[in-house]
Amino acid sequence: MPVSYAELRCRLASKEAELSTQLQDIQREVREEGVGYSNHMADVGTEVFEQARDIGLANQLAASHRLVKQALEKFEDGTYGICESCGVRIELARLEVVPEARLCFDCQSRLEHRR
């Protein structure tokens, strides 16, 4: 049975809440841990690596969070599920897999082939 737009909206709201919590947690961890003082260079190297990894993860979570919030805003203005490139309706099957999708399958494929 195909998914409904109401179900997609619920999924996006849940995903937004989950991403928001994860983002707050990782940002808190990055601020609290930082790079400390150690007597051994290997320990400092490990701390720097872990901090860089956490910052990268925070950036990825923030980008995902923005996409989900934008999708929820599109529900409010009535443009959810419409391709930002060509203006056609995005297939429900695609939205079921990627509810925050901004482009239809064809436009997304063209974009990825250009890279």
PDB file of N, CA and C in Angstrom:
ATOM      1  N   MET A   1       0.843  -1.180   0.000  1.00  0.00           N
ATOM      2  CA  MET A   1       0.000   0.000   0.000  1.00  0.00           C
ATOM      3  C   MET A   1       0.888   1.244   0.000  1.00  0.00           C
ATOM      4  N   PRO A   2       0.621   2.181  -0.909  1.00  0.00           N
ATOM      5  CA  PRO A   2       1.456   3.385  -0.974  1.00  0.00           C
ATOM      6  C   PRO A   2       1.321   4.229   0.286  1.00  0.00           C
ATOM      7  N   VAL A   3       2.390   4.922   0.574  1.00  0.00           N
ATOM      8  CA  VAL A   3       2.423   5.795   1.731  1.00  0.00           C
ATOM      9  C   VAL A   3       1.613   7.060   1.434  1.00  0.00           C
ATOM     10  N   SER A   4       1.048   7.663   2.479  1.00  0.00           N
ATOM     11  CA  SER A   4       0.269   8.895   2.297  1.00  0.00           C
ATOM     12  C   SER A   4       1.134  10.105   2.651  1.00  0.00           C
ATOM     13  N   TYR A   5       0.705  11.260   2.195  1.00  0.00           N
ATOM     14  CA  TYR A   5       1.430  12.491   2.535  1.00  0.00           C
ATOM     15  C   TYR A   5       1.388  12.759   4.042  1.00  0.00           C
ATOM     16  N   ALA A   6       0.293  12.374   4.689  1.00  0.00           N
ATOM     17  CA  ALA A   6       0.205  12.544   6.144  1.00  0.00           C
ATOM     18  C   ALA A   6       1.263  11.691   6.847  1.00  0.00           C
ATOM     19  N   GLU A   7       1.435  10.470   6.358  1.00  0.00           N
ATOM     20  CA  GLU A   7       2.460   9.585   6.926  1.00  0.00           C
ATOM     21  C   GLU A   7       3.855  10.158   6.684  1.00  0.00           C
ATOM     22  N   LEU A   8       4.088  10.688   5.496  1.00  0.00           N
ATOM     23  CA  LEU A   8       5.389  11.292   5.199  1.00  0.00           C
ATOM     24  C   LEU A   8       5.671  12.477   6.115  1.00  0.00           C
ATOM     25  N   ARG A   9       4.644  13.259   6.377  1.00  0.00           N
ATOM     26  CA  ARG A   9       4.803  14.408   7.274  1.00  0.00           C
ATOM     27  C   ARG A   9       5.164  13.938   8.689  1.00  0.00           C
ATOM     28  N   CYS A  10       4.509  12.886   9.149  1.00  0.00           N
ATOM     29  CA  CYS A  10       4.819  12.324  10.476  1.00  0.00           C
ATOM     30  C   CYS A  10       6.250  11.809  10.520  1.00  0.00           C
ATOM     31  N   ARG A  11       6.667  11.129   9.458  1.00  0.00           N
ATOM     32  CA  ARG A  11       8.039  10.618   9.401  1.00  0.00           C
ATOM     33  C   ARG A  11       9.041  11.759   9.443  1.00  0.00           C
ATOM     34  N   LEU A  12       8.764  12.817   8.704  1.00  0.00           N
ATOM     35  CA  LEU A  12       9.667  13.972   8.695  1.00  0.00           C
ATOM     36  C   LEU A  12       9.724  14.640  10.069  1.00  0.00           C
ATOM     37  N   ALA A  13       8.582  14.770  10.731  1.00  0.00           N
ATOM     38  CA  ALA A  13       8.557  15.383  12.060  1.00  0.00           C
ATOM     39  C   ALA A  13       9.368  14.547  13.051  1.00  0.00           C
ATOM     40  N   SER A  14       9.229  13.229  12.979  1.00  0.00           N
ATOM     41  CA  SER A  14      10.005  12.349  13.862  1.00  0.00           C
ATOM     42  C   SER A  14      11.490  12.450  13.550  1.00  0.00           C
ATOM     43  N   LYS A  15      11.813  12.462  12.272  1.00  0.00           N
ATOM     44  CA  LYS A  15      13.213  12.552  11.862  1.00  0.00           C
ATOM     45  C   LYS A  15      13.820  13.887  12.291  1.00  0.00           C
ATOM     46  N   GLU A  16      13.039  14.950  12.197  1.00  0.00           N
ATOM     47  CA  GLU A  16      13.525  16.275  12.608  1.00  0.00           C
ATOM     48  C   GLU A  16      13.836  16.284  14.098  1.00  0.00           C
ATOM     49  N   ALA A  17      12.959  15.717  14.897  1.00  0.00           N
ATOM     50  CA  ALA A  17      13.175  15.670  16.341  1.00  0.00           C
ATOM     51  C   ALA A  17      14.410  14.830  16.674  1.00  0.00           C
ATOM     52  N   GLU A  18      14.554  13.696  16.010  1.00  0.00           N
ATOM     53  CA  GLU A  18      15.696  12.813  16.243  1.00  0.00           C
ATOM     54  C   GLU A  18      17.010  13.494  15.846  1.00  0.00           C
ATOM     55  N   LEU A  19      17.027  14.124  14.678  1.00  0.00           N
ATOM     56  CA  LEU A  19      18.238  14.811  14.222  1.00  0.00           C
ATOM     57  C   LEU A  19      18.585  15.986  15.126  1.00  0.00           C
ATOM     58  N   SER A  20      17.576  16.683  15.596  1.00  0.00           N
ATOM     59  CA  SER A  20      17.796  17.813  16.501  1.00  0.00           C
ATOM     60  C   SER A  20      18.467  17.350  17.794  1.00  0.00           C
ATOM     61  N   THR A  21      17.986  16.261  18.351  1.00  0.00           N
ATOM     62  CA  THR A  21      18.577  15.704  19.570  1.00  0.00           C
ATOM     63  C   THR A  21      20.009  15.241  19.330  1.00  0.00           C
ATOM     64  N   GLN A  22      20.227  14.514  18.226  1.00  0.00           N
ATOM     65  CA  GLN A  22      21.574  14.036  17.905  1.00  0.00           C
ATOM     66  C   GLN A  22      22.534  15.196  17.692  1.00  0.00           C
ATOM     67  N   LEU A  23      22.069  16.233  17.028  1.00  0.00           N
ATOM     68  CA  LEU A  23      22.903  17.395  16.756  1.00  0.00           C
ATOM     69  C   LEU A  23      23.277  18.110  18.051  1.00  0.00           C
ATOM     70  N   GLN A  24      22.327  18.276  18.942  1.00  0.00           N
ATOM     71  CA  GLN A  24      22.616  18.903  20.238  1.00  0.00           C
ATOM     72  C   GLN A  24      23.627  18.072  21.024  1.00  0.00           C
ATOM     73  N   ASP A  25      23.455  16.762  21.009  1.00  0.00           N
ATOM     74  CA  ASP A  25      24.369  15.884  21.740  1.00  0.00           C
ATOM     75  C   ASP A  25      25.790  15.967  21.195  1.00  0.00           C
ATOM     76  N   ILE A  26      25.944  15.907  19.886  1.00  0.00           N
ATOM     77  CA  ILE A  26      27.283  15.920  19.301  1.00  0.00           C
ATOM     78  C   ILE A  26      27.928  17.291  19.463  1.00  0.00           C
ATOM     79  N   GLN A  27      27.143  18.357  19.363  1.00  0.00           N
ATOM     80  CA  GLN A  27      27.704  19.692  19.553  1.00  0.00           C
ATOM     81  C   GLN A  27      28.161  19.890  21.002  1.00  0.00           C
ATOM     82  N   ARG A  28      27.395  19.368  21.931  1.00  0.00           N
ATOM     83  CA  ARG A  28      27.780  19.442  23.343  1.00  0.00           C
ATOM     84  C   ARG A  28      29.077  18.671  23.571  1.00  0.00           C
ATOM     85  N   GLU A  29      29.175  17.499  22.954  1.00  0.00           N
ATOM     86  CA  GLU A  29      30.361  16.663  23.097  1.00  0.00           C
ATOM     87  C   GLU A  29      31.597  17.355  22.530  1.00  0.00           C
ATOM     88  N   VAL A  30      31.448  17.987  21.380  1.00  0.00           N
ATOM     89  CA  VAL A  30      32.573  18.695  20.766  1.00  0.00           C
ATOM     90  C   VAL A  30      33.027  19.843  21.666  1.00  0.00           C
ATOM     91  N   ARG A  31      32.081  20.603  22.220  1.00  0.00           N
ATOM     92  CA  ARG A  31      32.428  21.734  23.096  1.00  0.00           C
ATOM     93  C   ARG A  31      33.086  21.266  24.387  1.00  0.00           C
ATOM     94  N   GLU A  32      32.551  20.200  24.976  1.00  0.00           N
ATOM     95  CA  GLU A  32      33.045  19.744  26.274  1.00  0.00           C
ATOM     96  C   GLU A  32      34.401  19.063  26.181  1.00  0.00           C
ATOM     97  N   GLU A  33      34.595  18.275  25.150  1.00  0.00           N
ATOM     98  CA  GLU A  33      35.826  17.512  25.064  1.00  0.00           C
ATOM     99  C   GLU A  33      36.994  18.370  24.631  1.00  0.00           C
ATOM    100  N   GLY A  34      36.887  19.006  23.486  1.00  0.00           N
ATOM    101  CA  GLY A  34      37.985  19.801  22.981  1.00  0.00           C
ATOM    102  C   GLY A  34      39.265  18.986  22.941  1.00  0.00           C
ATOM    103  N   VAL A  35      40.366  19.657  22.734  1.00  0.00           N
ATOM    104  CA  VAL A  35      41.670  18.997  22.768  1.00  0.00           C
ATOM    105  C   VAL A  35      42.324  19.406  24.071  1.00  0.00           C
ATOM    106  N   GLY A  36      42.581  18.421  24.901  1.00  0.00           N
ATOM    107  CA  GLY A  36      43.151  18.688  26.215  1.00  0.00           C
ATOM    108  C   GLY A  36      44.658  18.675  26.206  1.00  0.00           C
ATOM    109  N   TYR A  37      45.192  18.684  27.365  1.00  0.00           N
ATOM    110  CA  TYR A  37      46.644  18.644  27.518  1.00  0.00           C
ATOM    111  C   TYR A  37      47.034  17.243  27.930  1.00  0.00           C
ATOM    112  N   SER A  38      48.045  16.741  27.277  1.00  0.00           N
ATOM    113  CA  SER A  38      48.472  15.387  27.549  1.00  0.00           C
ATOM    114  C   SER A  38      49.985  15.339  27.511  1.00  0.00           C
ATOM    115  N   ASN A  39      50.525  14.335  28.164  1.00  0.00           N
ATOM    116  CA  ASN A  39      51.970  14.156  28.178  1.00  0.00           C
ATOM    117  C   ASN A  39      52.467  13.387  26.970  1.00  0.00           C
ATOM    118  N   HIS A  40      51.578  12.801  26.213  1.00  0.00           N
ATOM    119  CA  HIS A  40      52.005  11.953  25.119  1.00  0.00           C
ATOM    120  C   HIS A  40      51.399  12.437  23.803  1.00  0.00           C
ATOM    121  N   MET A  41      52.229  12.544  22.772  1.00  0.00           N
ATOM    122  CA  MET A  41      51.772  13.045  21.473  1.00  0.00           C
ATOM    123  C   MET A  41      50.687  12.160  20.864  1.00  0.00           C
ATOM    124  N   ALA A  42      50.772  10.862  21.075  1.00  0.00           N
ATOM    125  CA  ALA A  42      49.776   9.953  20.513  1.00  0.00           C
ATOM    126  C   ALA A  42      48.400  10.235  21.092  1.00  0.00           C
ATOM    127  N   ASP A  43      48.340  10.563  22.378  1.00  0.00           N
ATOM    128  CA  ASP A  43      47.059  10.885  22.999  1.00  0.00           C
ATOM    129  C   ASP A  43      46.467  12.148  22.382  1.00  0.00           C
ATOM    130  N   VAL A  44      47.304  13.144  22.163  1.00  0.00           N
ATOM    131  CA  VAL A  44      46.842  14.392  21.551  1.00  0.00           C
ATOM    132  C   VAL A  44      46.360  14.114  20.130  1.00  0.00           C
ATOM    133  N   GLY A  45      47.089  13.293  19.389  1.00  0.00           N
ATOM    134  CA  GLY A  45      46.690  12.945  18.027  1.00  0.00           C
ATOM    135  C   GLY A  45      45.346  12.248  17.997  1.00  0.00           C
ATOM    136  N   THR A  46      45.121  11.359  18.932  1.00  0.00           N
ATOM    137  CA  THR A  46      43.838  10.659  19.012  1.00  0.00           C
ATOM    138  C   THR A  46      42.718  11.645  19.331  1.00  0.00           C
ATOM    139  N   GLU A  47      42.968  12.568  20.257  1.00  0.00           N
ATOM    140  CA  GLU A  47      41.951  13.557  20.617  1.00  0.00           C
ATOM    141  C   GLU A  47      41.610  14.457  19.435  1.00  0.00           C
ATOM    142  N   VAL A  48      42.642  14.869  18.692  1.00  0.00           N
ATOM    143  CA  VAL A  48      42.417  15.723  17.521  1.00  0.00           C
ATOM    144  C   VAL A  48      41.606  14.964  16.466  1.00  0.00           C
ATOM    145  N   PHE A  49      41.959  13.702  16.230  1.00  0.00           N
ATOM    146  CA  PHE A  49      41.219  12.883  15.273  1.00  0.00           C
ATOM    147  C   PHE A  49      39.758  12.755  15.684  1.00  0.00           C
ATOM    148  N   GLU A  50      39.511  12.442  16.945  1.00  0.00           N
ATOM    149  CA  GLU A  50      38.138  12.259  17.423  1.00  0.00           C
ATOM    150  C   GLU A  50      37.345  13.554  17.342  1.00  0.00           C
ATOM    151  N   GLN A  51      37.991  14.674  17.638  1.00  0.00           N
ATOM    152  CA  GLN A  51      37.295  15.956  17.550  1.00  0.00           C
ATOM    153  C   GLN A  51      36.955  16.273  16.093  1.00  0.00           C
ATOM    154  N   ALA A  52      37.898  16.030  15.180  1.00  0.00           N
ATOM    155  CA  ALA A  52      37.640  16.278  13.765  1.00  0.00           C
ATOM    156  C   ALA A  52      36.500  15.387  13.263  1.00  0.00           C
ATOM    157  N   ARG A  53      36.487  14.136  13.701  1.00  0.00           N
ATOM    158  CA  ARG A  53      35.410  13.214  13.321  1.00  0.00           C
ATOM    159  C   ARG A  53      34.070  13.725  13.839  1.00  0.00           C
ATOM    160  N   ASP A  54      34.047  14.172  15.089  1.00  0.00           N
ATOM    161  CA  ASP A  54      32.804  14.665  15.677  1.00  0.00           C
ATOM    162  C   ASP A  54      32.321  15.944  14.986  1.00  0.00           C
ATOM    163  N   ILE A  55      33.242  16.814  14.606  1.00  0.00           N
ATOM    164  CA  ILE A  55      32.861  18.037  13.901  1.00  0.00           C
ATOM    165  C   ILE A  55      32.290  17.685  12.527  1.00  0.00           C
ATOM    166  N   GLY A  56      32.922  16.735  11.843  1.00  0.00           N
ATOM    167  CA  GLY A  56      32.395  16.287  10.552  1.00  0.00           C
ATOM    168  C   GLY A  56      31.008  15.693  10.688  1.00  0.00           C
ATOM    169  N   LEU A  57      30.811  14.894  11.720  1.00  0.00           N
ATOM    170  CA  LEU A  57      29.495  14.300  11.969  1.00  0.00           C
ATOM    171  C   LEU A  57      28.469  15.392  12.280  1.00  0.00           C
ATOM    172  N   ALA A  58      28.869  16.381  13.081  1.00  0.00           N
ATOM    173  CA  ALA A  58      27.960  17.486  13.409  1.00  0.00           C
ATOM    174  C   ALA A  58      27.559  18.242  12.143  1.00  0.00           C
ATOM    175  N   ASN A  59      28.513  18.468  11.256  1.00  0.00           N
ATOM    176  CA  ASN A  59      28.200  19.164  10.000  1.00  0.00           C
ATOM    177  C   ASN A  59      27.229  18.358   9.147  1.00  0.00           C
ATOM    178  N   GLN A  60      27.435  17.057   9.083  1.00  0.00           N
ATOM    179  CA  GLN A  60      26.536  16.186   8.306  1.00  0.00           C
ATOM    180  C   GLN A  60      25.131  16.163   8.916  1.00  0.00           C
ATOM    181  N   LEU A  61      25.062  16.076  10.236  1.00  0.00           N
ATOM    182  CA  LEU A  61      23.760  16.096  10.916  1.00  0.00           C
ATOM    183  C   LEU A  61      23.052  17.423  10.684  1.00  0.00           C
ATOM    184  N   ALA A  62      23.803  18.521  10.731  1.00  0.00           N
ATOM    185  CA  ALA A  62      23.213  19.848  10.520  1.00  0.00           C
ATOM    186  C   ALA A  62      22.647  19.962   9.104  1.00  0.00           C
ATOM    187  N   ALA A  63      23.376  19.444   8.118  1.00  0.00           N
ATOM    188  CA  ALA A  63      22.895  19.496   6.739  1.00  0.00           C
ATOM    189  C   ALA A  63      21.614  18.663   6.583  1.00  0.00           C
ATOM    190  N   SER A  64      21.588  17.475   7.160  1.00  0.00           N
ATOM    191  CA  SER A  64      20.397  16.624   7.104  1.00  0.00           C
ATOM    192  C   SER A  64      19.226  17.291   7.814  1.00  0.00           C
ATOM    193  N   HIS A  65      19.507  17.904   8.951  1.00  0.00           N
ATOM    194  CA  HIS A  65      18.476  18.592   9.732  1.00  0.00           C
ATOM    195  C   HIS A  65      17.860  19.733   8.914  1.00  0.00           C
ATOM    196  N   ARG A  66      18.702  20.495   8.208  1.00  0.00           N
ATOM    197  CA  ARG A  66      18.205  21.590   7.371  1.00  0.00           C
ATOM    198  C   ARG A  66      17.278  21.063   6.268  1.00  0.00           C
ATOM    199  N   LEU A  67      17.675  19.968   5.622  1.00  0.00           N
ATOM    200  CA  LEU A  67      16.841  19.393   4.556  1.00  0.00           C
ATOM    201  C   LEU A  67      15.480  18.944   5.081  1.00  0.00           C
ATOM    202  N   VAL A  68      15.479  18.320   6.244  1.00  0.00           N
ATOM    203  CA  VAL A  68      14.219  17.846   6.828  1.00  0.00           C
ATOM    204  C   VAL A  68      13.339  19.033   7.218  1.00  0.00           C
ATOM    205  N   LYS A  69      13.937  20.063   7.800  1.00  0.00           N
ATOM    206  CA  LYS A  69      13.158  21.254   8.169  1.00  0.00           C
ATOM    207  C   LYS A  69      12.588  21.941   6.932  1.00  0.00           C
ATOM    208  N   GLN A  70      13.375  21.992   5.861  1.00  0.00           N
ATOM    209  CA  GLN A  70      12.879  22.586   4.614  1.00  0.00           C
ATOM    210  C   GLN A  70      11.704  21.788   4.061  1.00  0.00           C
ATOM    211  N   ALA A  71      11.781  20.470   4.149  1.00  0.00           N
ATOM    212  CA  ALA A  71      10.679  19.628   3.677  1.00  0.00           C
ATOM    213  C   ALA A  71       9.412  19.896   4.490  1.00  0.00           C
ATOM    214  N   LEU A  72       9.572  20.026   5.805  1.00  0.00           N
ATOM    215  CA  LEU A  72       8.413  20.325   6.653  1.00  0.00           C
ATOM    216  C   LEU A  72       7.830  21.698   6.319  1.00  0.00           C
ATOM    217  N   GLU A  73       8.688  22.669   6.014  1.00  0.00           N
ATOM    218  CA  GLU A  73       8.215  24.007   5.625  1.00  0.00           C
ATOM    219  C   GLU A  73       7.442  23.941   4.310  1.00  0.00           C
ATOM    220  N   LYS A  74       7.840  23.035   3.423  1.00  0.00           N
ATOM    221  CA  LYS A  74       7.141  22.887   2.146  1.00  0.00           C
ATOM    222  C   LYS A  74       5.718  22.371   2.356  1.00  0.00           C
ATOM    223  N   PHE A  75       5.504  21.570   3.399  1.00  0.00           N
ATOM    224  CA  PHE A  75       4.143  21.146   3.715  1.00  0.00           C
ATOM    225  C   PHE A  75       3.301  22.371   4.045  1.00  0.00           C
ATOM    226  N   GLU A  76       3.902  23.307   4.773  1.00  0.00           N
ATOM    227  CA  GLU A  76       3.181  24.512   5.190  1.00  0.00           C
ATOM    228  C   GLU A  76       2.805  25.395   4.004  1.00  0.00           C
ATOM    229  N   ASP A  77       3.712  25.520   3.021  1.00  0.00           N
ATOM    230  CA  ASP A  77       3.405  26.404   1.888  1.00  0.00           C
ATOM    231  C   ASP A  77       2.832  25.675   0.678  1.00  0.00           C
ATOM    232  N   GLY A  78       2.574  24.360   0.837  1.00  0.00           N
ATOM    233  CA  GLY A  78       1.902  23.611  -0.217  1.00  0.00           C
ATOM    234  C   GLY A  78       2.789  23.165  -1.374  1.00  0.00           C
ATOM    235  N   THR A  79       4.104  23.207  -1.191  1.00  0.00           N
ATOM    236  CA  THR A  79       5.002  22.813  -2.283  1.00  0.00           C
ATOM    237  C   THR A  79       5.707  21.489  -2.020  1.00  0.00           C
ATOM    238  N   TYR A  80       5.313  20.773  -0.976  1.00  0.00           N
ATOM    239  CA  TYR A  80       5.967  19.495  -0.684  1.00  0.00           C
ATOM    240  C   TYR A  80       5.700  18.508  -1.806  1.00  0.00           C
ATOM    241  N   GLY A  81       6.754  17.783  -2.201  1.00  0.00           N
ATOM    242  CA  GLY A  81       6.609  16.751  -3.210  1.00  0.00           C
ATOM    243  C   GLY A  81       6.689  17.264  -4.635  1.00  0.00           C
ATOM    244  N   ILE A  82       7.063  18.532  -4.800  1.00  0.00           N
ATOM    245  CA  ILE A  82       7.215  19.107  -6.131  1.00  0.00           C
ATOM    246  C   ILE A  82       8.701  19.328  -6.388  1.00  0.00           C
ATOM    247  N   CYS A  83       9.193  18.834  -7.509  1.00  0.00           N
ATOM    248  CA  CYS A  83      10.607  18.937  -7.856  1.00  0.00           C
ATOM    249  C   CYS A  83      11.011  20.402  -7.967  1.00  0.00           C
ATOM    250  N   GLU A  84      12.091  20.762  -7.310  1.00  0.00           N
ATOM    251  CA  GLU A  84      12.574  22.141  -7.333  1.00  0.00           C
ATOM    252  C   GLU A  84      13.214  22.505  -8.670  1.00  0.00           C
ATOM    253  N   SER A  85      13.516  21.513  -9.480  1.00  0.00           N
ATOM    254  CA  SER A  85      14.167  21.781 -10.756  1.00  0.00           C
ATOM    255  C   SER A  85      13.165  21.889 -11.909  1.00  0.00           C
ATOM    256  N   CYS A  86      12.327  20.882 -12.061  1.00  0.00           N
ATOM    257  CA  CYS A  86      11.433  20.854 -13.229  1.00  0.00           C
ATOM    258  C   CYS A  86       9.969  21.125 -12.888  1.00  0.00           C
ATOM    259  N   GLY A  87       9.615  21.091 -11.612  1.00  0.00           N
ATOM    260  CA  GLY A  87       8.249  21.408 -11.200  1.00  0.00           C
ATOM    261  C   GLY A  87       7.248  20.271 -11.265  1.00  0.00           C
ATOM    262  N   VAL A  88       7.683  19.064 -11.631  1.00  0.00           N
ATOM    263  CA  VAL A  88       6.746  17.928 -11.647  1.00  0.00           C
ATOM    264  C   VAL A  88       6.620  17.344 -10.238  1.00  0.00           C
ATOM    265  N   ARG A  89       5.566  16.593 -10.037  1.00  0.00           N
ATOM    266  CA  ARG A  89       5.356  15.949  -8.739  1.00  0.00           C
ATOM    267  C   ARG A  89       6.363  14.807  -8.573  1.00  0.00           C
ATOM    268  N   ILE A  90       7.029  14.773  -7.425  1.00  0.00           N
ATOM    269  CA  ILE A  90       7.989  13.711  -7.117  1.00  0.00           C
ATOM    270  C   ILE A  90       7.198  12.445  -6.798  1.00  0.00           C
ATOM    271  N   GLU A  91       7.653  11.334  -7.341  1.00  0.00           N
ATOM    272  CA  GLU A  91       6.970  10.060  -7.159  1.00  0.00           C
ATOM    273  C   GLU A  91       6.875   9.703  -5.671  1.00  0.00           C
ATOM    274  N   LEU A  92       5.726   9.176  -5.256  1.00  0.00           N
ATOM    275  CA  LEU A  92       5.543   8.771  -3.860  1.00  0.00           C
ATOM    276  C   LEU A  92       6.547   7.705  -3.450  1.00  0.00           C
ATOM    277  N   ALA A  93       6.901   6.815  -4.359  1.00  0.00           N
ATOM    278  CA  ALA A  93       7.876   5.768  -4.034  1.00  0.00           C
ATOM    279  C   ALA A  93       9.209   6.401  -3.644  1.00  0.00           C
ATOM    280  N   ARG A  94       9.613   7.456  -4.338  1.00  0.00           N
ATOM    281  CA  ARG A  94      10.862   8.149  -3.998  1.00  0.00           C
ATOM    282  C   ARG A  94      10.733   8.850  -2.654  1.00  0.00           C
ATOM    283  N   LEU A  95       9.615   9.516  -2.427  1.00  0.00           N
ATOM    284  CA  LEU A  95       9.406  10.222  -1.158  1.00  0.00           C
ATOM    285  C   LEU A  95       9.319   9.251   0.018  1.00  0.00           C
ATOM    286  N   GLU A  96       8.833   8.060  -0.239  1.00  0.00           N
ATOM    287  CA  GLU A  96       8.765   7.057   0.820  1.00  0.00           C
ATOM    288  C   GLU A  96      10.175   6.690   1.294  1.00  0.00           C
ATOM    289  N   VAL A  97      11.108   6.619   0.339  1.00  0.00           N
ATOM    290  CA  VAL A  97      12.489   6.260   0.669  1.00  0.00           C
ATOM    291  C   VAL A  97      13.252   7.473   1.192  1.00  0.00           C
ATOM    292  N   VAL A  98      13.062   8.615   0.551  1.00  0.00           N
ATOM    293  CA  VAL A  98      13.767   9.850   0.925  1.00  0.00           C
ATOM    294  C   VAL A  98      12.714  10.951   1.080  1.00  0.00           C
ATOM    295  N   PRO A  99      12.055  11.023   2.240  1.00  0.00           N
ATOM    296  CA  PRO A  99      10.944  11.976   2.385  1.00  0.00           C
ATOM    297  C   PRO A  99      11.366  13.441   2.258  1.00  0.00           C
ATOM    298  N   GLU A 100      12.660  13.726   2.425  1.00  0.00           N
ATOM    299  CA  GLU A 100      13.125  15.104   2.306  1.00  0.00           C
ATOM    300  C   GLU A 100      13.646  15.419   0.904  1.00  0.00           C
ATOM    301  N   ALA A 101      13.372  14.534  -0.058  1.00  0.00           N
ATOM    302  CA  ALA A 101      13.849  14.723  -1.435  1.00  0.00           C
ATOM    303  C   ALA A 101      13.350  16.053  -1.989  1.00  0.00           C
ATOM    304  N   ARG A 102      14.254  16.764  -2.661  1.00  0.00           N
ATOM    305  CA  ARG A 102      13.929  18.054  -3.251  1.00  0.00           C
ATOM    306  C   ARG A 102      13.758  17.954  -4.760  1.00  0.00           C
ATOM    307  N   LEU A 103      14.287  16.871  -5.341  1.00  0.00           N
ATOM    308  CA  LEU A 103      14.259  16.699  -6.789  1.00  0.00           C
ATOM    309  C   LEU A 103      13.612  15.374  -7.155  1.00  0.00           C
ATOM    310  N   CYS A 104      12.976  15.333  -8.318  1.00  0.00           N
ATOM    311  CA  CYS A 104      12.436  14.074  -8.821  1.00  0.00           C
ATOM    312  C   CYS A 104      13.611  13.174  -9.200  1.00  0.00           C
ATOM    313  N   PHE A 105      13.323  11.936  -9.470  1.00  0.00           N
ATOM    314  CA  PHE A 105      14.371  10.965  -9.772  1.00  0.00           C
ATOM    315  C   PHE A 105      15.197  11.388 -10.988  1.00  0.00           C
ATOM    316  N   ASP A 106      14.531  11.833 -12.052  1.00  0.00           N
ATOM    317  CA  ASP A 106      15.243  12.222 -13.269  1.00  0.00           C
ATOM    318  C   ASP A 106      16.181  13.402 -13.030  1.00  0.00           C
ATOM    319  N   CYS A 107      15.711  14.426 -12.354  1.00  0.00           N
ATOM    320  CA  CYS A 107      16.546  15.607 -12.086  1.00  0.00           C
ATOM    321  C   CYS A 107      17.696  15.258 -11.144  1.00  0.00           C
ATOM    322  N   GLN A 108      17.434  14.419 -10.149  1.00  0.00           N
ATOM    323  CA  GLN A 108      18.490  13.998  -9.244  1.00  0.00           C
ATOM    324  C   GLN A 108      19.555  13.200  -9.993  1.00  0.00           C
ATOM    325  N   SER A 109      19.120  12.338 -10.895  1.00  0.00           N
ATOM    326  CA  SER A 109      20.065  11.547 -11.702  1.00  0.00           C
ATOM    327  C   SER A 109      20.932  12.451 -12.569  1.00  0.00           C
ATOM    328  N   ARG A 110      20.307  13.437 -13.215  1.00  0.00           N
ATOM    329  CA  ARG A 110      21.077  14.372 -14.041  1.00  0.00           C
ATOM    330  C   ARG A 110      22.093  15.145 -13.203  1.00  0.00           C
ATOM    331  N   LEU A 111      21.697  15.567 -12.019  1.00  0.00           N
ATOM    332  CA  LEU A 111      22.584  16.305 -11.129  1.00  0.00           C
ATOM    333  C   LEU A 111      23.785  15.447 -10.736  1.00  0.00           C
ATOM    334  N   GLU A 112      23.536  14.195 -10.395  1.00  0.00           N
ATOM    335  CA  GLU A 112      24.615  13.305  -9.973  1.00  0.00           C
ATOM    336  C   GLU A 112      25.549  12.957 -11.126  1.00  0.00           C
ATOM    337  N   HIS A 113      25.040  12.888 -12.336  1.00  0.00           N
ATOM    338  CA  HIS A 113      25.893  12.580 -13.498  1.00  0.00           C
ATOM    339  C   HIS A 113      26.789  13.743 -13.866  1.00  0.00           C
ATOM    340  N   ARG A 114      26.363  14.952 -13.538  1.00  0.00           N
ATOM    341  CA  ARG A 114      27.187  16.136 -13.819  1.00  0.00           C
ATOM    342  C   ARG A 114      28.393  16.224 -12.897  1.00  0.00           C
ATOM    343  N   ARG A 115      28.305  15.628 -11.731  1.00  0.00           N
ATOM    344  CA  ARG A 115      29.386  15.734 -10.733  1.00  0.00           C
ATOM    345  C   ARG A 115      30.544  14.937 -11.129  1.00  0.00           C
TER     346      ARG A 115
END
